[in-house]
Amino acid sequence: MKATMSRDGRLRFDLRVTHRVGLGEMATALAAAHRYHDAQEDGPLGDLGKARMLDFVRQTLTQRGSDYLEGWADDLSESETRLMWDWAEAQVLRHFPELSEEVDR
């Protein structure tokens, strides 16, 4: 590995991290990325394309890591949490229907 200069003037290495994700992890990361969206004020969230959805999941995991996902809804009401979760799960299943076997209902 080769160190490169960071914006702060320090030498740093790039380290790639892989997250093995399924429906739950992807939906949680997607919901976490949109947790501050106010559906009553701003209206419901629309459908995301596959690339955009994966960008949100990737970005959330990169910025926060998987440990962060546990408390994504701590500041939301139960109804807000359910709305966000249902939306996020539906987005993932639209693009990865094979993950529907994971759904516990």
N, C-alpha and C. Protein backbone atom coordinates (compact mmCIF):
# COMPACT_ATOMS: atom_id res chain seq x y z
N MET A 1 0.84 -1.18 0.00
CA MET A 1 0.00 0.00 0.00
C MET A 1 0.88 1.23 0.00
N LYS A 2 0.39 2.24 -0.66
CA LYS A 2 1.13 3.47 -0.75
C LYS A 2 0.37 4.60 -0.05
N ALA A 3 1.05 5.33 0.80
CA ALA A 3 0.44 6.45 1.51
C ALA A 3 0.33 7.65 0.57
N THR A 4 -0.76 8.39 0.73
CA THR A 4 -0.95 9.63 -0.03
C THR A 4 -1.24 10.75 0.96
N MET A 5 -0.97 11.97 0.51
CA MET A 5 -1.18 13.13 1.36
C MET A 5 -2.66 13.46 1.46
N SER A 6 -3.16 13.61 2.67
CA SER A 6 -4.56 14.00 2.90
C SER A 6 -4.67 15.52 2.91
N ARG A 7 -5.91 16.00 2.88
CA ARG A 7 -6.13 17.44 2.91
C ARG A 7 -5.57 18.10 4.17
N ASP A 8 -5.50 17.33 5.24
CA ASP A 8 -4.98 17.91 6.49
C ASP A 8 -3.45 17.88 6.56
N GLY A 9 -2.81 17.45 5.48
CA GLY A 9 -1.35 17.46 5.43
C GLY A 9 -0.69 16.22 6.00
N ARG A 10 -1.45 15.22 6.35
CA ARG A 10 -0.90 13.98 6.90
C ARG A 10 -0.92 12.88 5.85
N LEU A 11 0.05 12.00 5.93
CA LEU A 11 0.06 10.83 5.04
C LEU A 11 -0.95 9.82 5.55
N ARG A 12 -1.73 9.28 4.63
CA ARG A 12 -2.76 8.30 5.00
C ARG A 12 -2.81 7.20 3.93
N PHE A 13 -3.36 6.07 4.33
CA PHE A 13 -3.60 4.94 3.44
C PHE A 13 -5.09 4.81 3.18
N ASP A 14 -5.44 4.39 1.99
CA ASP A 14 -6.83 4.04 1.69
C ASP A 14 -7.04 2.59 2.08
N LEU A 15 -8.10 2.33 2.79
CA LEU A 15 -8.42 0.98 3.24
C LEU A 15 -9.86 0.68 2.84
N ARG A 16 -10.03 -0.31 2.00
CA ARG A 16 -11.37 -0.70 1.54
C ARG A 16 -11.95 -1.71 2.54
N VAL A 17 -13.22 -1.47 2.90
CA VAL A 17 -13.92 -2.34 3.84
C VAL A 17 -15.15 -2.90 3.14
N THR A 18 -15.38 -4.18 3.29
CA THR A 18 -16.52 -4.82 2.67
C THR A 18 -17.56 -5.12 3.74
N HIS A 19 -18.80 -4.78 3.46
CA HIS A 19 -19.91 -5.10 4.35
C HIS A 19 -20.78 -6.14 3.64
N ARG A 20 -21.00 -7.27 4.27
CA ARG A 20 -21.88 -8.28 3.70
C ARG A 20 -23.29 -7.94 4.17
N VAL A 21 -24.17 -7.60 3.24
CA VAL A 21 -25.48 -7.09 3.61
C VAL A 21 -26.60 -7.90 2.99
N GLY A 22 -27.69 -7.94 3.69
CA GLY A 22 -28.92 -8.55 3.21
C GLY A 22 -30.02 -7.50 3.27
N LEU A 23 -31.25 -7.95 3.22
CA LEU A 23 -32.39 -7.05 3.23
C LEU A 23 -32.39 -6.14 4.45
N GLY A 24 -32.20 -6.70 5.62
CA GLY A 24 -32.26 -5.92 6.86
C GLY A 24 -31.20 -4.83 6.91
N GLU A 25 -29.98 -5.17 6.59
CA GLU A 25 -28.90 -4.18 6.64
C GLU A 25 -29.08 -3.10 5.58
N MET A 26 -29.48 -3.51 4.38
CA MET A 26 -29.66 -2.53 3.31
C MET A 26 -30.83 -1.59 3.61
N ALA A 27 -31.95 -2.14 4.06
CA ALA A 27 -33.11 -1.31 4.39
C ALA A 27 -32.80 -0.38 5.56
N THR A 28 -32.08 -0.88 6.55
CA THR A 28 -31.73 -0.06 7.71
C THR A 28 -30.80 1.08 7.30
N ALA A 29 -29.81 0.80 6.47
CA ALA A 29 -28.90 1.85 6.01
C ALA A 29 -29.65 2.88 5.18
N LEU A 30 -30.57 2.43 4.35
CA LEU A 30 -31.36 3.34 3.52
C LEU A 30 -32.28 4.19 4.40
N ALA A 31 -32.93 3.57 5.36
CA ALA A 31 -33.79 4.32 6.28
C ALA A 31 -32.97 5.32 7.10
N ALA A 32 -31.79 4.91 7.54
CA ALA A 32 -30.92 5.81 8.31
C ALA A 32 -30.52 7.02 7.48
N ALA A 33 -30.27 6.81 6.21
CA ALA A 33 -29.88 7.91 5.33
C ALA A 33 -31.02 8.92 5.14
N HIS A 34 -32.25 8.49 5.34
CA HIS A 34 -33.41 9.36 5.12
C HIS A 34 -34.17 9.65 6.41
N ARG A 35 -33.59 9.38 7.56
CA ARG A 35 -34.31 9.47 8.83
C ARG A 35 -34.83 10.87 9.14
N TYR A 36 -34.25 11.91 8.56
CA TYR A 36 -34.71 13.27 8.86
C TYR A 36 -35.74 13.78 7.85
N HIS A 37 -36.14 12.93 6.92
CA HIS A 37 -37.19 13.31 5.97
C HIS A 37 -38.52 13.34 6.72
N ASP A 38 -39.21 14.44 6.65
CA ASP A 38 -40.50 14.60 7.31
C ASP A 38 -41.60 14.34 6.28
N ALA A 39 -42.17 13.15 6.31
CA ALA A 39 -43.17 12.75 5.32
C ALA A 39 -44.42 13.61 5.40
N GLN A 40 -44.80 14.07 6.60
CA GLN A 40 -46.00 14.90 6.73
C GLN A 40 -45.77 16.28 6.12
N GLU A 41 -44.57 16.81 6.30
CA GLU A 41 -44.27 18.14 5.78
C GLU A 41 -43.82 18.11 4.32
N ASP A 42 -42.97 17.13 3.97
CA ASP A 42 -42.37 17.08 2.64
C ASP A 42 -43.04 16.08 1.71
N GLY A 43 -43.99 15.32 2.20
CA GLY A 43 -44.63 14.30 1.39
C GLY A 43 -43.85 13.00 1.45
N PRO A 44 -44.44 11.94 0.95
CA PRO A 44 -43.78 10.63 1.00
C PRO A 44 -42.55 10.60 0.10
N LEU A 45 -41.62 9.76 0.46
CA LEU A 45 -40.42 9.57 -0.36
C LEU A 45 -40.80 8.78 -1.60
N GLY A 46 -40.20 9.10 -2.72
CA GLY A 46 -40.48 8.41 -3.97
C GLY A 46 -39.57 7.20 -4.14
N ASP A 47 -39.79 6.52 -5.24
CA ASP A 47 -38.97 5.36 -5.55
C ASP A 47 -37.58 5.80 -5.99
N LEU A 48 -36.59 5.02 -5.61
CA LEU A 48 -35.21 5.27 -5.99
C LEU A 48 -34.78 4.27 -7.05
N GLY A 49 -33.97 4.72 -7.97
CA GLY A 49 -33.35 3.79 -8.91
C GLY A 49 -32.34 2.93 -8.16
N LYS A 50 -31.98 1.83 -8.76
CA LYS A 50 -31.07 0.89 -8.11
C LYS A 50 -29.72 1.53 -7.77
N ALA A 51 -29.13 2.26 -8.71
CA ALA A 51 -27.83 2.87 -8.46
C ALA A 51 -27.91 3.89 -7.33
N ARG A 52 -28.96 4.70 -7.33
CA ARG A 52 -29.13 5.72 -6.27
C ARG A 52 -29.33 5.06 -4.91
N MET A 53 -30.15 4.01 -4.88
CA MET A 53 -30.39 3.30 -3.62
C MET A 53 -29.08 2.73 -3.08
N LEU A 54 -28.32 2.09 -3.96
CA LEU A 54 -27.05 1.51 -3.52
C LEU A 54 -26.06 2.60 -3.08
N ASP A 55 -26.11 3.76 -3.72
CA ASP A 55 -25.26 4.87 -3.29
C ASP A 55 -25.58 5.30 -1.86
N PHE A 56 -26.86 5.38 -1.53
CA PHE A 56 -27.26 5.75 -0.17
C PHE A 56 -26.78 4.70 0.83
N VAL A 57 -26.96 3.43 0.50
CA VAL A 57 -26.53 2.35 1.40
C VAL A 57 -25.02 2.41 1.59
N ARG A 58 -24.30 2.50 0.49
CA ARG A 58 -22.83 2.57 0.53
C ARG A 58 -22.35 3.77 1.34
N GLN A 59 -22.95 4.92 1.07
CA GLN A 59 -22.55 6.15 1.74
C GLN A 59 -22.79 6.06 3.26
N THR A 60 -23.95 5.53 3.65
CA THR A 60 -24.26 5.39 5.07
C THR A 60 -23.28 4.46 5.75
N LEU A 61 -22.99 3.32 5.14
CA LEU A 61 -22.05 2.37 5.73
C LEU A 61 -20.63 2.93 5.76
N THR A 62 -20.26 3.69 4.75
CA THR A 62 -18.92 4.29 4.70
C THR A 62 -18.77 5.36 5.76
N GLN A 63 -19.76 6.21 5.89
CA GLN A 63 -19.67 7.32 6.84
C GLN A 63 -19.87 6.89 8.28
N ARG A 64 -20.75 5.95 8.50
CA ARG A 64 -21.15 5.63 9.88
C ARG A 64 -20.76 4.23 10.35
N GLY A 65 -20.55 3.32 9.41
CA GLY A 65 -20.27 1.94 9.79
C GLY A 65 -21.54 1.21 10.18
N SER A 66 -21.46 -0.08 10.30
CA SER A 66 -22.65 -0.88 10.57
C SER A 66 -23.11 -0.77 12.02
N ASP A 67 -22.24 -0.44 12.96
CA ASP A 67 -22.65 -0.29 14.36
C ASP A 67 -23.64 0.85 14.53
N TYR A 68 -23.52 1.87 13.71
CA TYR A 68 -24.39 3.03 13.78
C TYR A 68 -25.83 2.69 13.44
N LEU A 69 -26.04 1.67 12.68
CA LEU A 69 -27.37 1.37 12.16
C LEU A 69 -28.37 1.04 13.25
N GLU A 70 -27.91 0.53 14.37
CA GLU A 70 -28.82 0.11 15.44
C GLU A 70 -29.74 1.23 15.90
N GLY A 71 -29.25 2.44 16.07
CA GLY A 71 -30.06 3.51 16.62
C GLY A 71 -30.62 4.47 15.60
N TRP A 72 -30.80 4.03 14.38
CA TRP A 72 -31.21 4.95 13.31
C TRP A 72 -32.55 5.62 13.60
N ALA A 73 -33.43 4.98 14.35
CA ALA A 73 -34.77 5.52 14.55
C ALA A 73 -34.99 6.07 15.97
N ASP A 74 -33.92 6.25 16.72
CA ASP A 74 -34.07 6.69 18.11
C ASP A 74 -34.85 7.99 18.25
N ASP A 75 -34.74 8.89 17.29
CA ASP A 75 -35.41 10.19 17.38
C ASP A 75 -36.77 10.21 16.66
N LEU A 76 -37.21 9.07 16.18
CA LEU A 76 -38.46 9.01 15.43
C LEU A 76 -39.58 8.39 16.25
N SER A 77 -40.80 8.77 15.96
CA SER A 77 -41.95 8.13 16.60
C SER A 77 -42.11 6.73 16.03
N GLU A 78 -42.97 5.96 16.65
CA GLU A 78 -43.21 4.60 16.16
C GLU A 78 -43.81 4.62 14.75
N SER A 79 -44.73 5.54 14.51
CA SER A 79 -45.36 5.60 13.18
C SER A 79 -44.36 6.09 12.13
N GLU A 80 -43.50 7.06 12.48
CA GLU A 80 -42.47 7.53 11.55
C GLU A 80 -41.48 6.41 11.24
N THR A 81 -41.12 5.66 12.26
CA THR A 81 -40.20 4.54 12.08
C THR A 81 -40.80 3.50 11.14
N ARG A 82 -42.06 3.16 11.34
CA ARG A 82 -42.74 2.16 10.50
C ARG A 82 -42.84 2.64 9.06
N LEU A 83 -43.20 3.90 8.85
CA LEU A 83 -43.28 4.45 7.50
C LEU A 83 -41.93 4.40 6.79
N MET A 84 -40.90 4.82 7.49
CA MET A 84 -39.56 4.85 6.90
C MET A 84 -39.08 3.44 6.61
N TRP A 85 -39.30 2.53 7.56
CA TRP A 85 -38.86 1.14 7.37
C TRP A 85 -39.59 0.50 6.19
N ASP A 86 -40.90 0.67 6.13
CA ASP A 86 -41.67 0.08 5.02
C ASP A 86 -41.19 0.61 3.68
N TRP A 87 -40.94 1.92 3.60
CA TRP A 87 -40.44 2.52 2.36
C TRP A 87 -39.07 1.93 1.99
N ALA A 88 -38.16 1.89 2.97
CA ALA A 88 -36.80 1.41 2.71
C ALA A 88 -36.81 -0.06 2.28
N GLU A 89 -37.58 -0.87 2.98
CA GLU A 89 -37.67 -2.29 2.63
C GLU A 89 -38.23 -2.47 1.22
N ALA A 90 -39.25 -1.69 0.88
CA ALA A 90 -39.84 -1.78 -0.46
C ALA A 90 -38.83 -1.38 -1.53
N GLN A 91 -37.99 -0.37 -1.25
CA GLN A 91 -36.98 0.03 -2.22
C GLN A 91 -35.98 -1.09 -2.48
N VAL A 92 -35.53 -1.72 -1.42
CA VAL A 92 -34.57 -2.81 -1.57
C VAL A 92 -35.20 -3.98 -2.33
N LEU A 93 -36.42 -4.35 -1.95
CA LEU A 93 -37.07 -5.49 -2.59
C LEU A 93 -37.42 -5.24 -4.05
N ARG A 94 -37.65 -3.99 -4.43
CA ARG A 94 -37.90 -3.67 -5.84
C ARG A 94 -36.71 -4.06 -6.71
N HIS A 95 -35.52 -3.83 -6.18
CA HIS A 95 -34.31 -4.07 -6.96
C HIS A 95 -33.68 -5.43 -6.68
N PHE A 96 -33.99 -6.00 -5.53
CA PHE A 96 -33.44 -7.31 -5.16
C PHE A 96 -34.57 -8.20 -4.64
N PRO A 97 -35.51 -8.60 -5.52
CA PRO A 97 -36.66 -9.39 -5.07
C PRO A 97 -36.27 -10.72 -4.45
N GLU A 98 -35.11 -11.22 -4.80
CA GLU A 98 -34.68 -12.50 -4.22
C GLU A 98 -34.46 -12.41 -2.72
N LEU A 99 -34.33 -11.20 -2.19
CA LEU A 99 -34.17 -11.03 -0.74
C LEU A 99 -35.49 -11.13 0.01
N SER A 100 -36.60 -11.29 -0.71
CA SER A 100 -37.92 -11.36 -0.06
C SER A 100 -38.02 -12.59 0.83
N GLU A 101 -37.19 -13.57 0.63
CA GLU A 101 -37.21 -14.77 1.48
C GLU A 101 -36.79 -14.45 2.90
N GLU A 102 -36.12 -13.30 3.11
CA GLU A 102 -35.69 -12.90 4.44
C GLU A 102 -36.80 -12.25 5.25
N VAL A 103 -37.87 -11.83 4.60
CA VAL A 103 -38.93 -11.06 5.27
C VAL A 103 -39.67 -11.98 6.26
N ASP A 104 -39.71 -11.53 7.53
CA ASP A 104 -40.45 -12.25 8.57
C ASP A 104 -41.82 -11.62 8.72
N ARG A 105 -42.83 -12.26 8.18
CA ARG A 105 -44.19 -11.72 8.30
C ARG A 105 -45.16 -12.81 8.57
